[in-house]
Amino acid sequence: MIGRSLAAFRFLGLLAEANEPTDEWRALSDVHDDAYPEMLERIVRAAYSDIFVDIDPPADGQERIRAAFQKFQPKSQIRQSGLTS
């Protein structure tokens, strides 16, 4: 699980290749609670920028969103009936 977690943090731009925290990690760690959701959204949208060109989570249905993420691994993260919670 450590390897997957490190890979996810690198993918999100929170860790550098040497597994050192990036400026994004530091900013997320220091942000006020009120601004945390917006900052996390910005980080996720940047990491999945190619996906968010085609989908709008508030407007699109769960099936369309799930289909957009099908290309990512591991597939076990996505249930057949929809997104995992």
N, C-alpha and C. Protein backbone atom coordinates (compact mmCIF):
# COMPACT_ATOMS: atom_id res chain seq x y z
N MET A 1 0.81 -1.19 0.00
CA MET A 1 0.00 0.00 0.00
C MET A 1 0.86 1.26 0.00
N ILE A 2 2.05 1.19 0.56
CA ILE A 2 2.92 2.36 0.60
C ILE A 2 3.28 2.80 -0.81
N GLY A 3 3.61 1.85 -1.65
CA GLY A 3 3.97 2.16 -3.03
C GLY A 3 2.83 2.84 -3.77
N ARG A 4 1.62 2.33 -3.60
CA ARG A 4 0.46 2.95 -4.26
C ARG A 4 0.21 4.35 -3.72
N SER A 5 0.35 4.52 -2.43
CA SER A 5 0.13 5.83 -1.82
C SER A 5 1.16 6.83 -2.34
N LEU A 6 2.42 6.44 -2.39
CA LEU A 6 3.47 7.33 -2.90
C LEU A 6 3.21 7.68 -4.36
N ALA A 7 2.81 6.69 -5.15
CA ALA A 7 2.50 6.95 -6.56
C ALA A 7 1.33 7.93 -6.69
N ALA A 8 0.32 7.76 -5.86
CA ALA A 8 -0.83 8.67 -5.90
C ALA A 8 -0.42 10.09 -5.52
N PHE A 9 0.40 10.23 -4.48
CA PHE A 9 0.85 11.56 -4.08
C PHE A 9 1.70 12.21 -5.17
N ARG A 10 2.53 11.41 -5.86
CA ARG A 10 3.33 11.95 -6.96
C ARG A 10 2.41 12.36 -8.11
N PHE A 11 1.43 11.51 -8.44
CA PHE A 11 0.49 11.81 -9.51
C PHE A 11 -0.25 13.13 -9.24
N LEU A 12 -0.62 13.34 -8.00
CA LEU A 12 -1.34 14.56 -7.63
C LEU A 12 -0.42 15.78 -7.51
N GLY A 13 0.88 15.55 -7.64
CA GLY A 13 1.83 16.65 -7.56
C GLY A 13 2.15 17.05 -6.13
N LEU A 14 1.88 16.16 -5.18
CA LEU A 14 2.13 16.45 -3.78
C LEU A 14 3.50 15.98 -3.32
N LEU A 15 4.08 15.03 -4.05
CA LEU A 15 5.44 14.56 -3.76
C LEU A 15 6.28 14.67 -5.02
N ALA A 16 7.55 15.06 -4.85
CA ALA A 16 8.50 15.05 -5.95
C ALA A 16 8.97 13.62 -6.18
N GLU A 17 9.69 13.40 -7.25
CA GLU A 17 10.17 12.05 -7.56
C GLU A 17 10.98 11.44 -6.42
N ALA A 18 11.68 12.25 -5.65
CA ALA A 18 12.48 11.76 -4.53
C ALA A 18 11.62 11.61 -3.27
N ASN A 19 10.31 11.64 -3.45
CA ASN A 19 9.33 11.50 -2.35
C ASN A 19 9.44 12.61 -1.31
N GLU A 20 9.87 13.77 -1.76
CA GLU A 20 9.91 14.94 -0.89
C GLU A 20 8.67 15.78 -1.15
N PRO A 21 8.08 16.37 -0.10
CA PRO A 21 6.88 17.19 -0.29
C PRO A 21 7.13 18.35 -1.24
N THR A 22 6.15 18.59 -2.10
CA THR A 22 6.22 19.72 -3.02
C THR A 22 5.62 20.97 -2.36
N ASP A 23 5.71 22.08 -3.05
CA ASP A 23 5.09 23.30 -2.56
C ASP A 23 3.58 23.11 -2.42
N GLU A 24 2.98 22.32 -3.32
CA GLU A 24 1.53 22.04 -3.23
C GLU A 24 1.22 21.32 -1.91
N TRP A 25 2.02 20.34 -1.55
CA TRP A 25 1.82 19.62 -0.29
C TRP A 25 1.89 20.59 0.89
N ARG A 26 2.92 21.41 0.89
CA ARG A 26 3.10 22.36 1.99
C ARG A 26 1.94 23.34 2.06
N ALA A 27 1.50 23.82 0.91
CA ALA A 27 0.37 24.76 0.89
C ALA A 27 -0.91 24.08 1.38
N LEU A 28 -1.14 22.85 0.96
CA LEU A 28 -2.32 22.12 1.39
C LEU A 28 -2.27 21.85 2.89
N SER A 29 -1.09 21.59 3.40
CA SER A 29 -0.92 21.34 4.84
C SER A 29 -1.17 22.59 5.67
N ASP A 30 -0.90 23.75 5.10
CA ASP A 30 -1.01 25.00 5.85
C ASP A 30 -2.30 25.78 5.60
N VAL A 31 -3.09 25.35 4.64
CA VAL A 31 -4.28 26.12 4.26
C VAL A 31 -5.33 26.09 5.38
N HIS A 32 -6.05 27.17 5.52
CA HIS A 32 -7.13 27.26 6.50
C HIS A 32 -8.26 26.30 6.09
N ASP A 33 -8.95 25.76 7.08
CA ASP A 33 -10.02 24.79 6.83
C ASP A 33 -11.03 25.28 5.80
N ASP A 34 -11.34 26.56 5.80
CA ASP A 34 -12.34 27.09 4.86
C ASP A 34 -11.88 27.00 3.41
N ALA A 35 -10.59 27.10 3.18
CA ALA A 35 -10.05 27.09 1.82
C ALA A 35 -9.59 25.70 1.38
N TYR A 36 -9.57 24.73 2.30
CA TYR A 36 -9.07 23.39 1.99
C TYR A 36 -9.82 22.72 0.83
N PRO A 37 -11.16 22.71 0.84
CA PRO A 37 -11.86 22.02 -0.26
C PRO A 37 -11.52 22.60 -1.64
N GLU A 38 -11.44 23.91 -1.74
CA GLU A 38 -11.12 24.53 -3.03
C GLU A 38 -9.70 24.20 -3.47
N MET A 39 -8.78 24.20 -2.53
CA MET A 39 -7.39 23.88 -2.88
C MET A 39 -7.27 22.42 -3.30
N LEU A 40 -7.91 21.52 -2.58
CA LEU A 40 -7.87 20.11 -2.95
C LEU A 40 -8.52 19.89 -4.31
N GLU A 41 -9.62 20.58 -4.57
CA GLU A 41 -10.26 20.48 -5.89
C GLU A 41 -9.31 20.93 -6.99
N ARG A 42 -8.60 22.02 -6.77
CA ARG A 42 -7.65 22.52 -7.76
C ARG A 42 -6.56 21.49 -8.04
N ILE A 43 -6.06 20.84 -6.99
CA ILE A 43 -5.02 19.82 -7.14
C ILE A 43 -5.54 18.62 -7.93
N VAL A 44 -6.73 18.15 -7.60
CA VAL A 44 -7.31 16.99 -8.30
C VAL A 44 -7.62 17.35 -9.75
N ARG A 45 -8.19 18.52 -9.98
CA ARG A 45 -8.49 18.93 -11.35
C ARG A 45 -7.22 19.08 -12.19
N ALA A 46 -6.13 19.54 -11.59
CA ALA A 46 -4.87 19.65 -12.33
C ALA A 46 -4.33 18.27 -12.69
N ALA A 47 -4.39 17.34 -11.76
CA ALA A 47 -3.87 15.99 -12.00
C ALA A 47 -4.68 15.27 -13.08
N TYR A 48 -5.97 15.49 -13.10
CA TYR A 48 -6.87 14.85 -14.06
C TYR A 48 -7.37 15.84 -15.09
N SER A 49 -6.53 16.78 -15.49
CA SER A 49 -6.97 17.86 -16.37
C SER A 49 -7.58 17.35 -17.68
N ASP A 50 -7.04 16.27 -18.24
CA ASP A 50 -7.60 15.74 -19.48
C ASP A 50 -9.02 15.20 -19.28
N ILE A 51 -9.33 14.71 -18.09
CA ILE A 51 -10.67 14.21 -17.80
C ILE A 51 -11.66 15.36 -17.64
N PHE A 52 -11.25 16.39 -16.94
CA PHE A 52 -12.16 17.49 -16.65
C PHE A 52 -12.44 18.38 -17.85
N VAL A 53 -11.75 18.14 -18.97
CA VAL A 53 -12.09 18.81 -20.21
C VAL A 53 -13.44 18.29 -20.71
N ASP A 54 -13.69 17.00 -20.46
CA ASP A 54 -14.88 16.35 -21.00
C ASP A 54 -16.02 16.16 -20.02
N ILE A 55 -15.77 16.28 -18.72
CA ILE A 55 -16.85 16.06 -17.75
C ILE A 55 -16.99 17.25 -16.82
N ASP A 56 -18.19 17.37 -16.29
CA ASP A 56 -18.50 18.39 -15.30
C ASP A 56 -19.24 17.67 -14.17
N PRO A 57 -18.53 17.31 -13.08
CA PRO A 57 -19.15 16.49 -12.04
C PRO A 57 -20.50 16.99 -11.52
N PRO A 58 -20.70 18.28 -11.29
CA PRO A 58 -22.02 18.70 -10.81
C PRO A 58 -23.14 18.47 -11.84
N ALA A 59 -22.78 18.48 -13.13
CA ALA A 59 -23.80 18.37 -14.17
C ALA A 59 -23.92 16.97 -14.75
N ASP A 60 -22.81 16.24 -14.83
CA ASP A 60 -22.83 14.92 -15.48
C ASP A 60 -23.25 13.83 -14.51
N GLY A 61 -23.85 12.81 -15.05
CA GLY A 61 -24.28 11.67 -14.24
C GLY A 61 -23.12 10.80 -13.82
N GLN A 62 -23.37 9.99 -12.82
CA GLN A 62 -22.33 9.12 -12.26
C GLN A 62 -21.76 8.18 -13.32
N GLU A 63 -22.59 7.66 -14.21
CA GLU A 63 -22.10 6.72 -15.23
C GLU A 63 -21.11 7.41 -16.17
N ARG A 64 -21.39 8.63 -16.57
CA ARG A 64 -20.48 9.37 -17.46
C ARG A 64 -19.15 9.65 -16.74
N ILE A 65 -19.22 10.01 -15.48
CA ILE A 65 -18.00 10.27 -14.72
C ILE A 65 -17.19 8.99 -14.55
N ARG A 66 -17.86 7.90 -14.19
CA ARG A 66 -17.18 6.61 -14.04
C ARG A 66 -16.50 6.21 -15.34
N ALA A 67 -17.19 6.37 -16.45
CA ALA A 67 -16.63 5.99 -17.75
C ALA A 67 -15.38 6.81 -18.07
N ALA A 68 -15.37 8.07 -17.69
CA ALA A 68 -14.22 8.92 -17.96
C ALA A 68 -12.98 8.46 -17.22
N PHE A 69 -13.16 7.84 -16.06
CA PHE A 69 -12.02 7.40 -15.24
C PHE A 69 -11.64 5.93 -15.50
N GLN A 70 -12.31 5.25 -16.40
CA GLN A 70 -12.05 3.83 -16.66
C GLN A 70 -10.62 3.54 -17.10
N LYS A 71 -9.97 4.49 -17.72
CA LYS A 71 -8.61 4.24 -18.24
C LYS A 71 -7.55 4.19 -17.14
N PHE A 72 -7.89 4.62 -15.94
CA PHE A 72 -6.92 4.67 -14.87
C PHE A 72 -6.83 3.35 -14.12
N GLN A 73 -5.67 3.09 -13.53
CA GLN A 73 -5.40 1.88 -12.77
C GLN A 73 -5.27 2.23 -11.29
N PRO A 74 -5.51 1.36 -10.38
CA PRO A 74 -6.01 0.01 -10.60
C PRO A 74 -7.53 0.01 -10.81
N LYS A 75 -7.97 -0.88 -11.64
CA LYS A 75 -9.40 -1.01 -11.93
C LYS A 75 -10.19 -1.41 -10.69
N SER A 76 -9.54 -2.02 -9.72
CA SER A 76 -10.24 -2.46 -8.51
C SER A 76 -10.78 -1.28 -7.71
N GLN A 77 -10.33 -0.06 -8.02
CA GLN A 77 -10.81 1.12 -7.32
C GLN A 77 -12.22 1.53 -7.79
N ILE A 78 -12.64 0.96 -8.92
CA ILE A 78 -13.94 1.33 -9.50
C ILE A 78 -14.87 0.12 -9.45
N ARG A 79 -15.99 0.28 -8.74
CA ARG A 79 -16.98 -0.79 -8.69
C ARG A 79 -17.72 -0.83 -10.01
N GLN A 80 -18.26 -1.98 -10.36
CA GLN A 80 -19.02 -2.11 -11.59
C GLN A 80 -20.27 -1.25 -11.59
N SER A 81 -20.87 -1.04 -10.41
CA SER A 81 -22.12 -0.29 -10.33
C SER A 81 -21.90 1.22 -10.23
N GLY A 82 -20.68 1.69 -10.10
CA GLY A 82 -20.44 3.12 -10.01
C GLY A 82 -19.14 3.43 -9.29
N LEU A 83 -18.98 4.69 -8.96
CA LEU A 83 -17.77 5.13 -8.26
C LEU A 83 -17.76 4.62 -6.83
N THR A 84 -16.57 4.36 -6.33
CA THR A 84 -16.45 4.00 -4.94
C THR A 84 -16.57 5.26 -4.10
N SER A 85 -17.01 5.10 -2.87
CA SER A 85 -17.14 6.27 -2.02
C SER A 85 -16.03 6.35 -1.02
